[in-house]
Amino acid sequence: MKKNRLAYRVRTGELEDAEAVLDIQNAVISEGEYFIAVSEEFNKTPEQQRDWIRRLLENERETIIVAELNGAVMGWIVFQAENRKRMSHKGSFGMMIRKNYRGEGIGKELIKALLEWAEANPFIEKVSLGVFSTNQRAISLYKKMGFVEEGRKVKEFKISEREYVDDIIMYKMV
């Protein structure tokens, strides 16, 4: 049986999205499963979040794209570029989706919108990401979207006293 897809809208993020983006970030971090930071390390204020979004939108090599349903942001993807001249052709993205909206195709649409933005951007040639090796659902999506594994940082993240997770680095040329 095919799942009913939500009627959401994908658009460029705005300063007014700062609190919703921050709320999603806090929720995903509190899950504690696939994010580098832990809750006690993340204490960004709504004003700091607005400043971050403002800087992204003012930089022609960076963007934030959100997915919204009935005016409420349910997920977002951010692309941040490298500052060095020899690395200015590339950047990496991070994506977060509210837990109860995962599996609805939102991640795929956000990545698709990001890749369209990158292809139209005269400065961007390479889109990269890092993903926990335990996040098989995300890895599968990235592969379906044309990303390939570029490398692996073994035991990059220490989850507990005896548990480590590799960081898989993936990329796609646009």
C-alpha atoms as a PDB file:
ATOM      1  CA  MET A   1       0.000   0.000   0.000  1.00  0.00           C
ATOM      2  CA  LYS A   2       1.439   3.349  -1.035  1.00  0.00           C
ATOM      3  CA  LYS A   3       1.751   6.027   1.605  1.00  0.00           C
ATOM      4  CA  ASN A   4      -0.168   9.253   1.006  1.00  0.00           C
ATOM      5  CA  ARG A   5       2.318  12.036   0.379  1.00  0.00           C
ATOM      6  CA  LEU A   6       1.894  15.309   2.209  1.00  0.00           C
ATOM      7  CA  ALA A   7       1.174  18.500   0.272  1.00  0.00           C
ATOM      8  CA  TYR A   8       4.167  20.486   1.462  1.00  0.00           C
ATOM      9  CA  ARG A   9       5.971  23.390  -0.160  1.00  0.00           C
ATOM     10  CA  VAL A  10       9.750  23.716  -0.606  1.00  0.00           C
ATOM     11  CA  ARG A  11      11.179  27.237  -0.652  1.00  0.00           C
ATOM     12  CA  THR A  12      14.218  29.318   0.250  1.00  0.00           C
ATOM     13  CA  GLY A  13      14.422  29.922   3.968  1.00  0.00           C
ATOM     14  CA  GLU A  14      13.748  33.350   5.451  1.00  0.00           C
ATOM     15  CA  LEU A  15      14.698  35.146   8.669  1.00  0.00           C
ATOM     16  CA  GLU A  16      11.158  34.497   9.922  1.00  0.00           C
ATOM     17  CA  ASP A  17      11.904  30.754   9.836  1.00  0.00           C
ATOM     18  CA  ALA A  18      14.637  31.049  12.479  1.00  0.00           C
ATOM     19  CA  GLU A  19      12.607  29.867  15.466  1.00  0.00           C
ATOM     20  CA  ALA A  20      11.087  26.913  13.597  1.00  0.00           C
ATOM     21  CA  VAL A  21      14.522  25.903  12.254  1.00  0.00           C
ATOM     22  CA  LEU A  22      15.947  26.171  15.772  1.00  0.00           C
ATOM     23  CA  ASP A  23      13.065  24.132  17.208  1.00  0.00           C
ATOM     24  CA  ILE A  24      13.701  21.354  14.670  1.00  0.00           C
ATOM     25  CA  GLN A  25      17.423  21.470  15.415  1.00  0.00           C
ATOM     26  CA  ASN A  26      16.828  21.143  19.160  1.00  0.00           C
ATOM     27  CA  ALA A  27      14.390  18.261  18.628  1.00  0.00           C
ATOM     28  CA  VAL A  28      16.734  16.319  16.322  1.00  0.00           C
ATOM     29  CA  ILE A  29      19.725  16.868  18.601  1.00  0.00           C
ATOM     30  CA  SER A  30      17.713  15.683  21.616  1.00  0.00           C
ATOM     31  CA  GLU A  31      17.042  12.395  19.801  1.00  0.00           C
ATOM     32  CA  GLY A  32      20.768  11.786  20.244  1.00  0.00           C
ATOM     33  CA  GLU A  33      21.120   9.375  17.362  1.00  0.00           C
ATOM     34  CA  TYR A  34      22.651  10.938  14.246  1.00  0.00           C
ATOM     35  CA  PHE A  35      23.971  14.354  15.193  1.00  0.00           C
ATOM     36  CA  ILE A  36      27.470  15.340  16.276  1.00  0.00           C
ATOM     37  CA  ALA A  37      26.402  17.722  19.043  1.00  0.00           C
ATOM     38  CA  VAL A  38      24.583  16.562  22.165  1.00  0.00           C
ATOM     39  CA  SER A  39      21.778  18.581  23.743  1.00  0.00           C
ATOM     40  CA  GLU A  40      23.887  20.158  26.503  1.00  0.00           C
ATOM     41  CA  GLU A  41      26.352  21.489  23.886  1.00  0.00           C
ATOM     42  CA  PHE A  42      23.720  23.182  21.769  1.00  0.00           C
ATOM     43  CA  ASN A  43      22.309  26.385  23.216  1.00  0.00           C
ATOM     44  CA  LYS A  44      21.725  28.686  20.283  1.00  0.00           C
ATOM     45  CA  THR A  45      19.261  31.526  20.860  1.00  0.00           C
ATOM     46  CA  PRO A  46      16.586  32.560  18.343  1.00  0.00           C
ATOM     47  CA  GLU A  47      18.575  35.768  17.689  1.00  0.00           C
ATOM     48  CA  GLN A  48      21.758  33.776  16.973  1.00  0.00           C
ATOM     49  CA  GLN A  49      19.738  31.555  14.639  1.00  0.00           C
ATOM     50  CA  ARG A  50      18.408  34.623  12.772  1.00  0.00           C
ATOM     51  CA  ASP A  51      21.972  35.955  12.453  1.00  0.00           C
ATOM     52  CA  TRP A  52      23.091  32.586  11.064  1.00  0.00           C
ATOM     53  CA  ILE A  53      20.264  32.528   8.505  1.00  0.00           C
ATOM     54  CA  ARG A  54      20.981  36.163   7.585  1.00  0.00           C
ATOM     55  CA  ARG A  55      24.647  35.330   6.894  1.00  0.00           C
ATOM     56  CA  LEU A  56      23.629  32.324   4.782  1.00  0.00           C
ATOM     57  CA  LEU A  57      21.218  34.364   2.687  1.00  0.00           C
ATOM     58  CA  GLU A  58      23.738  37.178   2.183  1.00  0.00           C
ATOM     59  CA  ASN A  59      26.398  34.761   0.867  1.00  0.00           C
ATOM     60  CA  GLU A  60      25.929  33.854  -2.795  1.00  0.00           C
ATOM     61  CA  ARG A  61      27.649  30.500  -2.175  1.00  0.00           C
ATOM     62  CA  GLU A  62      25.314  29.412   0.627  1.00  0.00           C
ATOM     63  CA  THR A  63      21.619  28.787   1.137  1.00  0.00           C
ATOM     64  CA  ILE A  64      18.961  27.392   3.418  1.00  0.00           C
ATOM     65  CA  ILE A  65      15.869  25.712   1.994  1.00  0.00           C
ATOM     66  CA  VAL A  66      12.819  24.736   4.041  1.00  0.00           C
ATOM     67  CA  ALA A  67       9.844  22.431   3.597  1.00  0.00           C
ATOM     68  CA  GLU A  68       6.596  23.685   5.053  1.00  0.00           C
ATOM     69  CA  LEU A  69       3.121  22.271   5.514  1.00  0.00           C
ATOM     70  CA  ASN A  70       0.228  24.643   6.158  1.00  0.00           C
ATOM     71  CA  GLY A  71       2.706  27.442   6.905  1.00  0.00           C
ATOM     72  CA  ALA A  72       4.716  25.417   9.447  1.00  0.00           C
ATOM     73  CA  VAL A  73       8.336  24.441   8.744  1.00  0.00           C
ATOM     74  CA  MET A  74       8.797  20.683   9.078  1.00  0.00           C
ATOM     75  CA  GLY A  75      12.314  20.296   7.687  1.00  0.00           C
ATOM     76  CA  TRP A  76      15.275  22.162   6.270  1.00  0.00           C
ATOM     77  CA  ILE A  77      18.552  21.749   4.432  1.00  0.00           C
ATOM     78  CA  VAL A  78      21.507  24.109   4.618  1.00  0.00           C
ATOM     79  CA  PHE A  79      24.475  24.423   2.278  1.00  0.00           C
ATOM     80  CA  GLN A  80      27.606  26.053   3.637  1.00  0.00           C
ATOM     81  CA  ALA A  81      30.546  26.892   1.414  1.00  0.00           C
ATOM     82  CA  GLU A  82      34.259  26.849   1.989  1.00  0.00           C
ATOM     83  CA  ASN A  83      36.027  30.187   2.474  1.00  0.00           C
ATOM     84  CA  ARG A  84      39.422  29.346   1.008  1.00  0.00           C
ATOM     85  CA  LYS A  85      39.938  30.238  -2.656  1.00  0.00           C
ATOM     86  CA  ARG A  86      41.086  26.754  -3.663  1.00  0.00           C
ATOM     87  CA  MET A  87      38.036  25.251  -1.985  1.00  0.00           C
ATOM     88  CA  SER A  88      35.474  27.864  -3.023  1.00  0.00           C
ATOM     89  CA  HIS A  89      33.973  25.551  -5.656  1.00  0.00           C
ATOM     90  CA  LYS A  90      32.483  23.301  -3.014  1.00  0.00           C
ATOM     91  CA  GLY A  91      30.550  23.106   0.211  1.00  0.00           C
ATOM     92  CA  SER A  92      28.594  20.699   2.326  1.00  0.00           C
ATOM     93  CA  PHE A  93      25.056  20.312   3.492  1.00  0.00           C
ATOM     94  CA  GLY A  94      23.192  19.250   6.574  1.00  0.00           C
ATOM     95  CA  MET A  95      19.520  18.406   6.772  1.00  0.00           C
ATOM     96  CA  MET A  96      16.990  17.996   9.571  1.00  0.00           C
ATOM     97  CA  ILE A  97      13.370  16.889   9.424  1.00  0.00           C
ATOM     98  CA  ARG A  98      10.876  16.673  12.273  1.00  0.00           C
ATOM     99  CA  LYS A  99      10.658  13.044  13.373  1.00  0.00           C
ATOM    100  CA  ASN A 100       6.936  12.629  12.657  1.00  0.00           C
ATOM    101  CA  TYR A 101       7.424  13.819   9.039  1.00  0.00           C
ATOM    102  CA  ARG A 102      10.282  11.491   8.086  1.00  0.00           C
ATOM    103  CA  GLY A 103       9.573   8.924   5.398  1.00  0.00           C
ATOM    104  CA  GLU A 104       7.249  11.281   3.497  1.00  0.00           C
ATOM    105  CA  GLY A 105       9.720  12.196   0.724  1.00  0.00           C
ATOM    106  CA  ILE A 106      10.638  15.549   2.277  1.00  0.00           C
ATOM    107  CA  GLY A 107      14.370  14.780   2.460  1.00  0.00           C
ATOM    108  CA  LYS A 108      14.408  13.799  -1.195  1.00  0.00           C
ATOM    109  CA  GLU A 109      12.631  17.023  -2.211  1.00  0.00           C
ATOM    110  CA  LEU A 110      14.945  19.164  -0.086  1.00  0.00           C
ATOM    111  CA  ILE A 111      18.028  17.539  -1.639  1.00  0.00           C
ATOM    112  CA  LYS A 112      16.522  17.915  -5.107  1.00  0.00           C
ATOM    113  CA  ALA A 113      15.914  21.637  -4.470  1.00  0.00           C
ATOM    114  CA  LEU A 114      19.452  22.042  -3.122  1.00  0.00           C
ATOM    115  CA  LEU A 115      20.983  20.320  -6.149  1.00  0.00           C
ATOM    116  CA  GLU A 116      18.935  22.527  -8.496  1.00  0.00           C
ATOM    117  CA  TRP A 117      20.182  25.591  -6.609  1.00  0.00           C
ATOM    118  CA  ALA A 118      23.791  24.312  -6.786  1.00  0.00           C
ATOM    119  CA  GLU A 119      23.554  23.539 -10.511  1.00  0.00           C
ATOM    120  CA  ALA A 120      22.297  27.084 -11.165  1.00  0.00           C
ATOM    121  CA  ASN A 121      24.991  28.616  -8.951  1.00  0.00           C
ATOM    122  CA  PRO A 122      28.034  29.557 -11.065  1.00  0.00           C
ATOM    123  CA  PHE A 123      30.391  29.060  -8.098  1.00  0.00           C
ATOM    124  CA  ILE A 124      29.370  25.597  -6.887  1.00  0.00           C
ATOM    125  CA  GLU A 125      30.740  22.457  -8.548  1.00  0.00           C
ATOM    126  CA  LYS A 126      30.809  19.937  -5.713  1.00  0.00           C
ATOM    127  CA  VAL A 127      28.222  19.198  -3.029  1.00  0.00           C
ATOM    128  CA  SER A 128      29.427  17.154  -0.052  1.00  0.00           C
ATOM    129  CA  LEU A 129      28.054  15.741   3.169  1.00  0.00           C
ATOM    130  CA  GLY A 130      29.068  13.679   6.141  1.00  0.00           C
ATOM    131  CA  VAL A 131      26.785  10.990   7.558  1.00  0.00           C
ATOM    132  CA  PHE A 132      26.982   8.589  10.502  1.00  0.00           C
ATOM    133  CA  SER A 133      27.742   5.094   9.188  1.00  0.00           C
ATOM    134  CA  THR A 134      24.810   3.849  11.299  1.00  0.00           C
ATOM    135  CA  ASN A 135      22.313   6.086   9.456  1.00  0.00           C
ATOM    136  CA  GLN A 136      21.477   3.580   6.726  1.00  0.00           C
ATOM    137  CA  ARG A 137      18.226   5.291   5.774  1.00  0.00           C
ATOM    138  CA  ALA A 138      20.042   8.549   4.997  1.00  0.00           C
ATOM    139  CA  ILE A 139      22.896   6.784   3.190  1.00  0.00           C
ATOM    140  CA  SER A 140      20.380   4.982   0.981  1.00  0.00           C
ATOM    141  CA  LEU A 141      18.661   8.269   0.123  1.00  0.00           C
ATOM    142  CA  TYR A 142      21.958   9.997  -0.692  1.00  0.00           C
ATOM    143  CA  LYS A 143      22.964   7.144  -3.002  1.00  0.00           C
ATOM    144  CA  LYS A 144      19.577   7.302  -4.773  1.00  0.00           C
ATOM    145  CA  MET A 145      20.189  11.040  -5.270  1.00  0.00           C
ATOM    146  CA  GLY A 146      23.519  10.339  -7.000  1.00  0.00           C
ATOM    147  CA  PHE A 147      25.963  10.842  -4.139  1.00  0.00           C
ATOM    148  CA  VAL A 148      28.921   8.494  -3.885  1.00  0.00           C
ATOM    149  CA  GLU A 149      31.151   7.618  -0.969  1.00  0.00           C
ATOM    150  CA  GLU A 150      34.372   9.563  -1.103  1.00  0.00           C
ATOM    151  CA  GLY A 151      35.920   8.330   2.106  1.00  0.00           C
ATOM    152  CA  ARG A 152      35.408   7.316   5.669  1.00  0.00           C
ATOM    153  CA  LYS A 153      36.736   8.656   8.946  1.00  0.00           C
ATOM    154  CA  VAL A 154      36.967   5.565  11.103  1.00  0.00           C
ATOM    155  CA  LYS A 155      35.696   5.860  14.698  1.00  0.00           C
ATOM    156  CA  GLU A 156      35.220   9.598  14.175  1.00  0.00           C
ATOM    157  CA  PHE A 157      32.449   9.871  16.765  1.00  0.00           C
ATOM    158  CA  LYS A 158      32.547   8.378  20.249  1.00  0.00           C
ATOM    159  CA  ILE A 159      28.982   7.538  21.216  1.00  0.00           C
ATOM    160  CA  SER A 160      29.726   5.868  24.544  1.00  0.00           C
ATOM    161  CA  GLU A 161      32.682   4.387  26.406  1.00  0.00           C
ATOM    162  CA  ARG A 162      33.044   1.499  23.927  1.00  0.00           C
ATOM    163  CA  GLU A 163      30.918   2.550  20.982  1.00  0.00           C
ATOM    164  CA  TYR A 164      32.205   4.479  18.005  1.00  0.00           C
ATOM    165  CA  VAL A 165      30.656   5.477  14.687  1.00  0.00           C
ATOM    166  CA  ASP A 166      32.429   6.162  11.395  1.00  0.00           C
ATOM    167  CA  ASP A 167      31.806   9.378   9.465  1.00  0.00           C
ATOM    168  CA  ILE A 168      31.072   8.560   5.827  1.00  0.00           C
ATOM    169  CA  ILE A 169      31.967  11.393   3.460  1.00  0.00           C
ATOM    170  CA  MET A 170      29.876  11.544   0.278  1.00  0.00           C
ATOM    171  CA  TYR A 171      29.790  13.925  -2.678  1.00  0.00           C
ATOM    172  CA  LYS A 172      28.154  14.737  -5.977  1.00  0.00           C
ATOM    173  CA  MET A 173      29.500  16.937  -8.767  1.00  0.00           C
ATOM    174  CA  VAL A 174      26.923  19.373 -10.146  1.00  0.00           C
END
